[in-house]
Amino acid sequence: MRPWSGTRRVQSLARWIDANGHRSTGYPRELYLECPENPDDWVTELQEPYA
C-alpha cells in the first residue's frame, strides 16, 4: 500500500471502530512491515488506538 493510497483504508478502520461502539483515542499510524522495491507489494499494518 502506498502511503498516499492508505486514506481510504484508514477511513474504513475509523468507520469500523465507530460501527462497533468504540471511539478513537488517538492518531492512526501506518507501520510498514515489508517494503520490497515495488510499492504495490508492500505489507502495511494500520494501527489506531480506541476505547
PDB file of N, CA and C in Angstrom:
ATOM      1  N   MET A   1       0.850  -1.170   0.000  1.00  0.00           N
ATOM      2  CA  MET A   1       0.000   0.000   0.000  1.00  0.00           C
ATOM      3  C   MET A   1       0.894   1.230   0.000  1.00  0.00           C
ATOM      4  N   ARG A   2       0.738   2.077  -0.942  1.00  0.00           N
ATOM      5  CA  ARG A   2       1.497   3.320  -0.973  1.00  0.00           C
ATOM      6  C   ARG A   2       0.941   4.272   0.080  1.00  0.00           C
ATOM      7  N   PRO A   3       1.791   5.062   0.703  1.00  0.00           N
ATOM      8  CA  PRO A   3       1.310   5.956   1.768  1.00  0.00           C
ATOM      9  C   PRO A   3       0.116   6.806   1.367  1.00  0.00           C
ATOM     10  N   TRP A   4       0.126   7.347   0.158  1.00  0.00           N
ATOM     11  CA  TRP A   4      -0.976   8.215  -0.263  1.00  0.00           C
ATOM     12  C   TRP A   4      -2.251   7.453  -0.555  1.00  0.00           C
ATOM     13  N   SER A   5      -2.192   6.131  -0.720  1.00  0.00           N
ATOM     14  CA  SER A   5      -3.398   5.366  -1.023  1.00  0.00           C
ATOM     15  C   SER A   5      -4.054   4.813   0.232  1.00  0.00           C
ATOM     16  N   GLY A   6      -3.448   5.034   1.386  1.00  0.00           N
ATOM     17  CA  GLY A   6      -3.971   4.469   2.623  1.00  0.00           C
ATOM     18  C   GLY A   6      -5.128   5.228   3.235  1.00  0.00           C
ATOM     19  N   THR A   7      -5.454   6.387   2.707  1.00  0.00           N
ATOM     20  CA  THR A   7      -6.512   7.206   3.304  1.00  0.00           C
ATOM     21  C   THR A   7      -7.828   6.454   3.387  1.00  0.00           C
ATOM     22  N   ARG A   8      -8.221   5.790   2.312  1.00  0.00           N
ATOM     23  CA  ARG A   8      -9.490   5.047   2.344  1.00  0.00           C
ATOM     24  C   ARG A   8      -9.447   3.922   3.363  1.00  0.00           C
ATOM     25  N   ARG A   9      -8.296   3.292   3.518  1.00  0.00           N
ATOM     26  CA  ARG A   9      -8.189   2.194   4.476  1.00  0.00           C
ATOM     27  C   ARG A   9      -8.287   2.719   5.904  1.00  0.00           C
ATOM     28  N   VAL A  10      -7.664   3.842   6.162  1.00  0.00           N
ATOM     29  CA  VAL A  10      -7.753   4.444   7.499  1.00  0.00           C
ATOM     30  C   VAL A  10      -9.192   4.869   7.772  1.00  0.00           C
ATOM     31  N   GLN A  11      -9.867   5.409   6.777  1.00  0.00           N
ATOM     32  CA  GLN A  11     -11.269   5.790   6.945  1.00  0.00           C
ATOM     33  C   GLN A  11     -12.141   4.562   7.194  1.00  0.00           C
ATOM     34  N   SER A  12     -11.847   3.458   6.510  1.00  0.00           N
ATOM     35  CA  SER A  12     -12.593   2.215   6.741  1.00  0.00           C
ATOM     36  C   SER A  12     -12.396   1.722   8.165  1.00  0.00           C
ATOM     37  N   LEU A  13     -11.165   1.800   8.649  1.00  0.00           N
ATOM     38  CA  LEU A  13     -10.884   1.394  10.020  1.00  0.00           C
ATOM     39  C   LEU A  13     -11.644   2.287  10.998  1.00  0.00           C
ATOM     40  N   ALA A  14     -11.668   3.590  10.755  1.00  0.00           N
ATOM     41  CA  ALA A  14     -12.395   4.520  11.622  1.00  0.00           C
ATOM     42  C   ALA A  14     -13.895   4.210  11.615  1.00  0.00           C
ATOM     43  N   ARG A  15     -14.454   3.887  10.446  1.00  0.00           N
ATOM     44  CA  ARG A  15     -15.879   3.521  10.384  1.00  0.00           C
ATOM     45  C   ARG A  15     -16.147   2.238  11.158  1.00  0.00           C
ATOM     46  N   TRP A  16     -15.237   1.261  11.065  1.00  0.00           N
ATOM     47  CA  TRP A  16     -15.411   0.009  11.816  1.00  0.00           C
ATOM     48  C   TRP A  16     -15.401   0.288  13.317  1.00  0.00           C
ATOM     49  N   ILE A  17     -14.468   1.106  13.756  1.00  0.00           N
ATOM     50  CA  ILE A  17     -14.388   1.454  15.183  1.00  0.00           C
ATOM     51  C   ILE A  17     -15.700   2.065  15.638  1.00  0.00           C
ATOM     52  N   ASP A  18     -16.228   3.025  14.880  1.00  0.00           N
ATOM     53  CA  ASP A  18     -17.484   3.689  15.222  1.00  0.00           C
ATOM     54  C   ASP A  18     -18.666   2.724  15.180  1.00  0.00           C
ATOM     55  N   ALA A  19     -18.740   1.902  14.138  1.00  0.00           N
ATOM     56  CA  ALA A  19     -19.866   0.975  13.967  1.00  0.00           C
ATOM     57  C   ALA A  19     -19.920  -0.084  15.058  1.00  0.00           C
ATOM     58  N   ASN A  20     -18.796  -0.340  15.705  1.00  0.00           N
ATOM     59  CA  ASN A  20     -18.754  -1.360  16.750  1.00  0.00           C
ATOM     60  C   ASN A  20     -18.770  -0.769  18.158  1.00  0.00           C
ATOM     61  N   GLY A  21     -19.214   0.476  18.259  1.00  0.00           N
ATOM     62  CA  GLY A  21     -19.425   1.099  19.557  1.00  0.00           C
ATOM     63  C   GLY A  21     -18.171   1.599  20.250  1.00  0.00           C
ATOM     64  N   HIS A  22     -17.096   1.755  19.526  1.00  0.00           N
ATOM     65  CA  HIS A  22     -15.853   2.247  20.115  1.00  0.00           C
ATOM     66  C   HIS A  22     -15.633   3.688  19.678  1.00  0.00           C
ATOM     67  N   ARG A  23     -14.609   4.301  20.216  1.00  0.00           N
ATOM     68  CA  ARG A  23     -14.220   5.633  19.765  1.00  0.00           C
ATOM     69  C   ARG A  23     -12.706   5.697  19.688  1.00  0.00           C
ATOM     70  N   SER A  24     -12.223   6.447  18.738  1.00  0.00           N
ATOM     71  CA  SER A  24     -10.784   6.607  18.569  1.00  0.00           C
ATOM     72  C   SER A  24     -10.242   7.434  19.733  1.00  0.00           C
ATOM     73  N   THR A  25      -9.066   7.040  20.224  1.00  0.00           N
ATOM     74  CA  THR A  25      -8.470   7.768  21.338  1.00  0.00           C
ATOM     75  C   THR A  25      -7.107   8.365  20.972  1.00  0.00           C
ATOM     76  N   GLY A  26      -6.795   8.373  19.706  1.00  0.00           N
ATOM     77  CA  GLY A  26      -5.506   8.921  19.290  1.00  0.00           C
ATOM     78  C   GLY A  26      -5.395   8.944  17.787  1.00  0.00           C
ATOM     79  N   TYR A  27      -4.195   9.157  17.315  1.00  0.00           N
ATOM     80  CA  TYR A  27      -3.932   9.264  15.890  1.00  0.00           C
ATOM     81  C   TYR A  27      -3.619   7.895  15.285  1.00  0.00           C
ATOM     82  N   PRO A  28      -4.140   7.640  14.066  1.00  0.00           N
ATOM     83  CA  PRO A  28      -3.784   6.393  13.392  1.00  0.00           C
ATOM     84  C   PRO A  28      -2.350   6.481  12.867  1.00  0.00           C
ATOM     85  N   ARG A  29      -1.751   5.315  12.666  1.00  0.00           N
ATOM     86  CA  ARG A  29      -0.427   5.288  12.044  1.00  0.00           C
ATOM     87  C   ARG A  29      -0.308   4.061  11.169  1.00  0.00           C
ATOM     88  N   GLU A  30       0.636   4.131  10.241  1.00  0.00           N
ATOM     89  CA  GLU A  30       0.907   3.028   9.336  1.00  0.00           C
ATOM     90  C   GLU A  30       2.284   2.479   9.658  1.00  0.00           C
ATOM     91  N   LEU A  31       2.369   1.179   9.835  1.00  0.00           N
ATOM     92  CA  LEU A  31       3.631   0.507  10.106  1.00  0.00           C
ATOM     93  C   LEU A  31       3.957  -0.351   8.887  1.00  0.00           C
ATOM     94  N   TYR A  32       5.063  -0.042   8.240  1.00  0.00           N
ATOM     95  CA  TYR A  32       5.459  -0.767   7.031  1.00  0.00           C
ATOM     96  C   TYR A  32       6.286  -1.993   7.422  1.00  0.00           C
ATOM     97  N   LEU A  33       5.688  -3.174   7.259  1.00  0.00           N
ATOM     98  CA  LEU A  33       6.314  -4.421   7.686  1.00  0.00           C
ATOM     99  C   LEU A  33       7.268  -4.983   6.640  1.00  0.00           C
ATOM    100  N   GLU A  34       6.904  -4.838   5.381  1.00  0.00           N
ATOM    101  CA  GLU A  34       7.742  -5.309   4.279  1.00  0.00           C
ATOM    102  C   GLU A  34       7.701  -4.255   3.183  1.00  0.00           C
ATOM    103  N   CYS A  35       8.868  -3.851   2.717  1.00  0.00           N
ATOM    104  CA  CYS A  35       8.954  -2.789   1.701  1.00  0.00           C
ATOM    105  C   CYS A  35       9.845  -3.213   0.542  1.00  0.00           C
ATOM    106  N   PRO A  36       9.374  -4.156  -0.266  1.00  0.00           N
ATOM    107  CA  PRO A  36      10.168  -4.532  -1.437  1.00  0.00           C
ATOM    108  C   PRO A  36      10.233  -3.365  -2.421  1.00  0.00           C
ATOM    109  N   GLU A  37      10.991  -3.543  -3.474  1.00  0.00           N
ATOM    110  CA  GLU A  37      11.207  -2.471  -4.444  1.00  0.00           C
ATOM    111  C   GLU A  37       9.902  -1.943  -5.044  1.00  0.00           C
ATOM    112  N   ASN A  38       8.962  -2.824  -5.327  1.00  0.00           N
ATOM    113  CA  ASN A  38       7.674  -2.423  -5.895  1.00  0.00           C
ATOM    114  C   ASN A  38       6.712  -2.040  -4.761  1.00  0.00           C
ATOM    115  N   PRO A  39       6.322  -0.773  -4.645  1.00  0.00           N
ATOM    116  CA  PRO A  39       5.434  -0.342  -3.563  1.00  0.00           C
ATOM    117  C   PRO A  39       4.088  -1.067  -3.541  1.00  0.00           C
ATOM    118  N   ASP A  40       3.642  -1.593  -4.669  1.00  0.00           N
ATOM    119  CA  ASP A  40       2.377  -2.325  -4.687  1.00  0.00           C
ATOM    120  C   ASP A  40       2.456  -3.626  -3.896  1.00  0.00           C
ATOM    121  N   ASP A  41       3.661  -4.093  -3.586  1.00  0.00           N
ATOM    122  CA  ASP A  41       3.845  -5.333  -2.837  1.00  0.00           C
ATOM    123  C   ASP A  41       4.132  -5.099  -1.355  1.00  0.00           C
ATOM    124  N   TRP A  42       4.096  -3.852  -0.934  1.00  0.00           N
ATOM    125  CA  TRP A  42       4.374  -3.562   0.473  1.00  0.00           C
ATOM    126  C   TRP A  42       3.315  -4.185   1.375  1.00  0.00           C
ATOM    127  N   VAL A  43       3.727  -4.577   2.564  1.00  0.00           N
ATOM    128  CA  VAL A  43       2.813  -5.078   3.583  1.00  0.00           C
ATOM    129  C   VAL A  43       2.761  -4.009   4.675  1.00  0.00           C
ATOM    130  N   THR A  44       1.573  -3.480   4.900  1.00  0.00           N
ATOM    131  CA  THR A  44       1.397  -2.365   5.817  1.00  0.00           C
ATOM    132  C   THR A  44       0.374  -2.722   6.882  1.00  0.00           C
ATOM    133  N   GLU A  45       0.672  -2.389   8.119  1.00  0.00           N
ATOM    134  CA  GLU A  45      -0.253  -2.602   9.241  1.00  0.00           C
ATOM    135  C   GLU A  45      -0.797  -1.250   9.668  1.00  0.00           C
ATOM    136  N   LEU A  46      -2.127  -1.131   9.742  1.00  0.00           N
ATOM    137  CA  LEU A  46      -2.745   0.084  10.241  1.00  0.00           C
ATOM    138  C   LEU A  46      -2.992  -0.068  11.727  1.00  0.00           C
ATOM    139  N   GLN A  47      -2.662   0.972  12.479  1.00  0.00           N
ATOM    140  CA  GLN A  47      -2.852   0.954  13.937  1.00  0.00           C
ATOM    141  C   GLN A  47      -3.607   2.198  14.350  1.00  0.00           C
ATOM    142  N   GLU A  48      -4.616   2.021  15.194  1.00  0.00           N
ATOM    143  CA  GLU A  48      -5.358   3.154  15.713  1.00  0.00           C
ATOM    144  C   GLU A  48      -5.829   2.798  17.118  1.00  0.00           C
ATOM    145  N   PRO A  49      -5.447   3.597  18.105  1.00  0.00           N
ATOM    146  CA  PRO A  49      -5.910   3.308  19.453  1.00  0.00           C
ATOM    147  C   PRO A  49      -7.407   3.623  19.593  1.00  0.00           C
ATOM    148  N   TYR A  50      -8.123   2.772  20.307  1.00  0.00           N
ATOM    149  CA  TYR A  50      -9.541   3.022  20.534  1.00  0.00           C
ATOM    150  C   TYR A  50      -9.946   2.493  21.896  1.00  0.00           C
ATOM    151  N   ALA A  51     -11.091   2.984  22.349  1.00  0.00           N
ATOM    152  CA  ALA A  51     -11.620   2.556  23.647  1.00  0.00           C
ATOM    153  C   ALA A  51     -13.059   2.100  23.469  1.00  0.00           C
TER     154      ALA A  51
END
